[in-house]
Amino acid sequence: MPPADLRIVAAAVARAGVPAMVRFALDTQRTRKDRILYAKYFVRGWSGLPPAARATPSQPAAGPAPHCGHPDCDPVTRTRETEDDRGIRSLTRCPACNPNAQRGHAA
């Protein structure tokens, strides 16, 4: 394949993507009775492929959850000071806003 054709193919890959090029080649092959043996046959068609649609994220990038506002929850560490039955105090992750708190268990 000549260098000019290789540049066209590289531009088509960057613009339309390989899946679109494969679809074009398969659709073209289906319409022909004889068998296409070389990719050079598709270069002209690939050069006319439209740009691929860019995938947009369905959700914005997730940042830390906002502080829950609970009076026992520290806004910096997102932990709560709790006291057990014996009067022993300990810090536990805030279940509402700490990103590392367990949110439930799979069944």
C-alpha atoms as a PDB file:
ATOM      1  CA  MET A   1       0.000   0.000   0.000  1.00  0.00           C
ATOM      2  CA  PRO A   2       1.475   3.385  -0.905  1.00  0.00           C
ATOM      3  CA  PRO A   3       2.390   5.815   1.899  1.00  0.00           C
ATOM      4  CA  ALA A   4      -0.373   8.202   0.828  1.00  0.00           C
ATOM      5  CA  ASP A   5      -2.958   5.456   1.345  1.00  0.00           C
ATOM      6  CA  LEU A   6      -1.477   4.619   4.734  1.00  0.00           C
ATOM      7  CA  ARG A   7      -1.911   8.252   5.767  1.00  0.00           C
ATOM      8  CA  ILE A   8      -5.543   8.135   4.621  1.00  0.00           C
ATOM      9  CA  VAL A   9      -6.129   4.957   6.633  1.00  0.00           C
ATOM     10  CA  ALA A  10      -4.466   6.448   9.730  1.00  0.00           C
ATOM     11  CA  ALA A  11      -6.619   9.568   9.423  1.00  0.00           C
ATOM     12  CA  ALA A  12      -9.752   7.422   9.065  1.00  0.00           C
ATOM     13  CA  VAL A  13      -8.828   5.437  12.175  1.00  0.00           C
ATOM     14  CA  ALA A  14      -8.358   8.650  14.148  1.00  0.00           C
ATOM     15  CA  ARG A  15     -11.518  10.278  12.805  1.00  0.00           C
ATOM     16  CA  ALA A  16     -14.065   7.465  12.452  1.00  0.00           C
ATOM     17  CA  GLY A  17     -12.567   4.623  14.481  1.00  0.00           C
ATOM     18  CA  VAL A  18     -11.853   1.023  13.623  1.00  0.00           C
ATOM     19  CA  PRO A  19     -15.400  -0.277  14.328  1.00  0.00           C
ATOM     20  CA  ALA A  20     -16.859   2.082  11.699  1.00  0.00           C
ATOM     21  CA  MET A  21     -14.205   1.035   9.205  1.00  0.00           C
ATOM     22  CA  VAL A  22     -14.949  -2.642   9.793  1.00  0.00           C
ATOM     23  CA  ARG A  23     -18.700  -2.042   9.386  1.00  0.00           C
ATOM     24  CA  PHE A  24     -18.038  -0.221   6.117  1.00  0.00           C
ATOM     25  CA  ALA A  25     -15.826  -3.041   4.839  1.00  0.00           C
ATOM     26  CA  LEU A  26     -18.336  -5.747   5.785  1.00  0.00           C
ATOM     27  CA  ASP A  27     -21.234  -3.851   4.229  1.00  0.00           C
ATOM     28  CA  THR A  28     -19.228  -3.301   1.058  1.00  0.00           C
ATOM     29  CA  GLN A  29     -18.236  -6.963   0.869  1.00  0.00           C
ATOM     30  CA  ARG A  30     -21.871  -8.059   1.228  1.00  0.00           C
ATOM     31  CA  THR A  31     -22.883  -6.027  -1.822  1.00  0.00           C
ATOM     32  CA  ARG A  32     -20.251  -7.607  -4.072  1.00  0.00           C
ATOM     33  CA  LYS A  33     -20.336 -10.996  -5.721  1.00  0.00           C
ATOM     34  CA  ASP A  34     -16.573 -11.393  -5.939  1.00  0.00           C
ATOM     35  CA  ARG A  35     -14.281 -11.587  -2.959  1.00  0.00           C
ATOM     36  CA  ILE A  36     -12.262  -8.524  -1.921  1.00  0.00           C
ATOM     37  CA  LEU A  37      -8.714  -9.560  -1.100  1.00  0.00           C
ATOM     38  CA  TYR A  38      -6.966  -6.288  -0.263  1.00  0.00           C
ATOM     39  CA  ALA A  39      -7.740  -3.437   2.113  1.00  0.00           C
ATOM     40  CA  LYS A  40      -6.641  -1.002  -0.595  1.00  0.00           C
ATOM     41  CA  TYR A  41     -10.102  -1.480  -2.101  1.00  0.00           C
ATOM     42  CA  PHE A  42     -11.692   0.262   0.919  1.00  0.00           C
ATOM     43  CA  VAL A  43      -9.352   3.265   1.196  1.00  0.00           C
ATOM     44  CA  ARG A  44     -11.539   5.613  -0.844  1.00  0.00           C
ATOM     45  CA  GLY A  45     -14.638   4.706   1.176  1.00  0.00           C
ATOM     46  CA  TRP A  46     -12.826   4.942   4.494  1.00  0.00           C
ATOM     47  CA  SER A  47     -11.663   8.450   3.625  1.00  0.00           C
ATOM     48  CA  GLY A  48     -15.300   9.548   3.437  1.00  0.00           C
ATOM     49  CA  LEU A  49     -16.470   8.089   6.746  1.00  0.00           C
ATOM     50  CA  PRO A  50     -18.025  10.640   9.117  1.00  0.00           C
ATOM     51  CA  PRO A  51     -16.395  11.383  12.477  1.00  0.00           C
ATOM     52  CA  ALA A  52     -17.294   9.004  15.276  1.00  0.00           C
ATOM     53  CA  ALA A  53     -19.620  10.320  17.946  1.00  0.00           C
ATOM     54  CA  ARG A  54     -17.664  11.118  21.055  1.00  0.00           C
ATOM     55  CA  ALA A  55     -18.820   9.285  24.133  1.00  0.00           C
ATOM     56  CA  THR A  56     -19.922  11.694  26.810  1.00  0.00           C
ATOM     57  CA  PRO A  57     -19.842  10.628  30.423  1.00  0.00           C
ATOM     58  CA  SER A  58     -23.316   9.923  31.717  1.00  0.00           C
ATOM     59  CA  GLN A  59     -22.402  11.258  35.132  1.00  0.00           C
ATOM     60  CA  PRO A  60     -20.010  13.999  36.126  1.00  0.00           C
ATOM     61  CA  ALA A  61     -16.782  12.958  37.769  1.00  0.00           C
ATOM     62  CA  ALA A  62     -17.559  11.869  41.282  1.00  0.00           C
ATOM     63  CA  GLY A  63     -15.892  13.920  43.956  1.00  0.00           C
ATOM     64  CA  PRO A  64     -16.138  13.395  47.664  1.00  0.00           C
ATOM     65  CA  ALA A  65     -19.646  13.286  49.027  1.00  0.00           C
ATOM     66  CA  PRO A  66     -20.707  16.487  50.745  1.00  0.00           C
ATOM     67  CA  HIS A  67     -20.506  16.568  54.517  1.00  0.00           C
ATOM     68  CA  CYS A  68     -23.646  15.114  56.051  1.00  0.00           C
ATOM     69  CA  GLY A  69     -23.955  17.856  58.668  1.00  0.00           C
ATOM     70  CA  HIS A  70     -24.477  15.432  61.549  1.00  0.00           C
ATOM     71  CA  PRO A  71     -23.354  17.115  64.794  1.00  0.00           C
ATOM     72  CA  ASP A  72     -21.116  14.171  65.758  1.00  0.00           C
ATOM     73  CA  CYS A  73     -19.472  13.922  62.325  1.00  0.00           C
ATOM     74  CA  ASP A  74     -16.135  15.662  61.870  1.00  0.00           C
ATOM     75  CA  PRO A  75     -16.210  17.486  58.497  1.00  0.00           C
ATOM     76  CA  VAL A  76     -12.503  16.860  57.826  1.00  0.00           C
ATOM     77  CA  THR A  77     -12.074  13.201  58.780  1.00  0.00           C
ATOM     78  CA  ARG A  78     -15.719  12.199  58.216  1.00  0.00           C
ATOM     79  CA  THR A  79     -15.663  10.154  61.410  1.00  0.00           C
ATOM     80  CA  ARG A  80     -17.990  10.069  64.399  1.00  0.00           C
ATOM     81  CA  GLU A  81     -17.019   9.587  67.998  1.00  0.00           C
ATOM     82  CA  THR A  82     -19.146   6.819  69.439  1.00  0.00           C
ATOM     83  CA  GLU A  83     -19.382   5.283  72.881  1.00  0.00           C
ATOM     84  CA  ASP A  84     -20.154   1.620  73.466  1.00  0.00           C
ATOM     85  CA  ASP A  85     -22.035  -0.009  76.387  1.00  0.00           C
ATOM     86  CA  ARG A  86     -18.912  -0.054  78.556  1.00  0.00           C
ATOM     87  CA  GLY A  87     -18.256   3.657  78.053  1.00  0.00           C
ATOM     88  CA  ILE A  88     -15.333   3.154  75.698  1.00  0.00           C
ATOM     89  CA  ARG A  89     -15.112   5.863  73.078  1.00  0.00           C
ATOM     90  CA  SER A  90     -13.907   5.209  69.567  1.00  0.00           C
ATOM     91  CA  LEU A  91     -13.950   6.814  66.164  1.00  0.00           C
ATOM     92  CA  THR A  92     -15.998   5.174  63.452  1.00  0.00           C
ATOM     93  CA  ARG A  93     -16.454   6.133  59.858  1.00  0.00           C
ATOM     94  CA  CYS A  94     -19.531   8.215  59.258  1.00  0.00           C
ATOM     95  CA  PRO A  95     -21.967   5.940  57.417  1.00  0.00           C
ATOM     96  CA  ALA A  96     -23.557   8.923  55.679  1.00  0.00           C
ATOM     97  CA  CYS A  97     -20.581  10.764  54.188  1.00  0.00           C
ATOM     98  CA  ASN A  98     -17.309   8.850  54.642  1.00  0.00           C
ATOM     99  CA  PRO A  99     -16.286   7.503  51.215  1.00  0.00           C
ATOM    100  CA  ASN A 100     -14.750   4.398  52.800  1.00  0.00           C
ATOM    101  CA  ALA A 101     -17.771   3.458  54.911  1.00  0.00           C
ATOM    102  CA  GLN A 102     -19.372   0.170  53.971  1.00  0.00           C
ATOM    103  CA  ARG A 103     -22.669   0.844  52.254  1.00  0.00           C
ATOM    104  CA  GLY A 104     -24.152  -2.609  52.558  1.00  0.00           C
ATOM    105  CA  HIS A 105     -23.317  -6.164  51.766  1.00  0.00           C
ATOM    106  CA  ALA A 106     -24.014  -8.235  48.715  1.00  0.00           C
ATOM    107  CA  ALA A 107     -26.329 -11.132  49.317  1.00  0.00           C
END
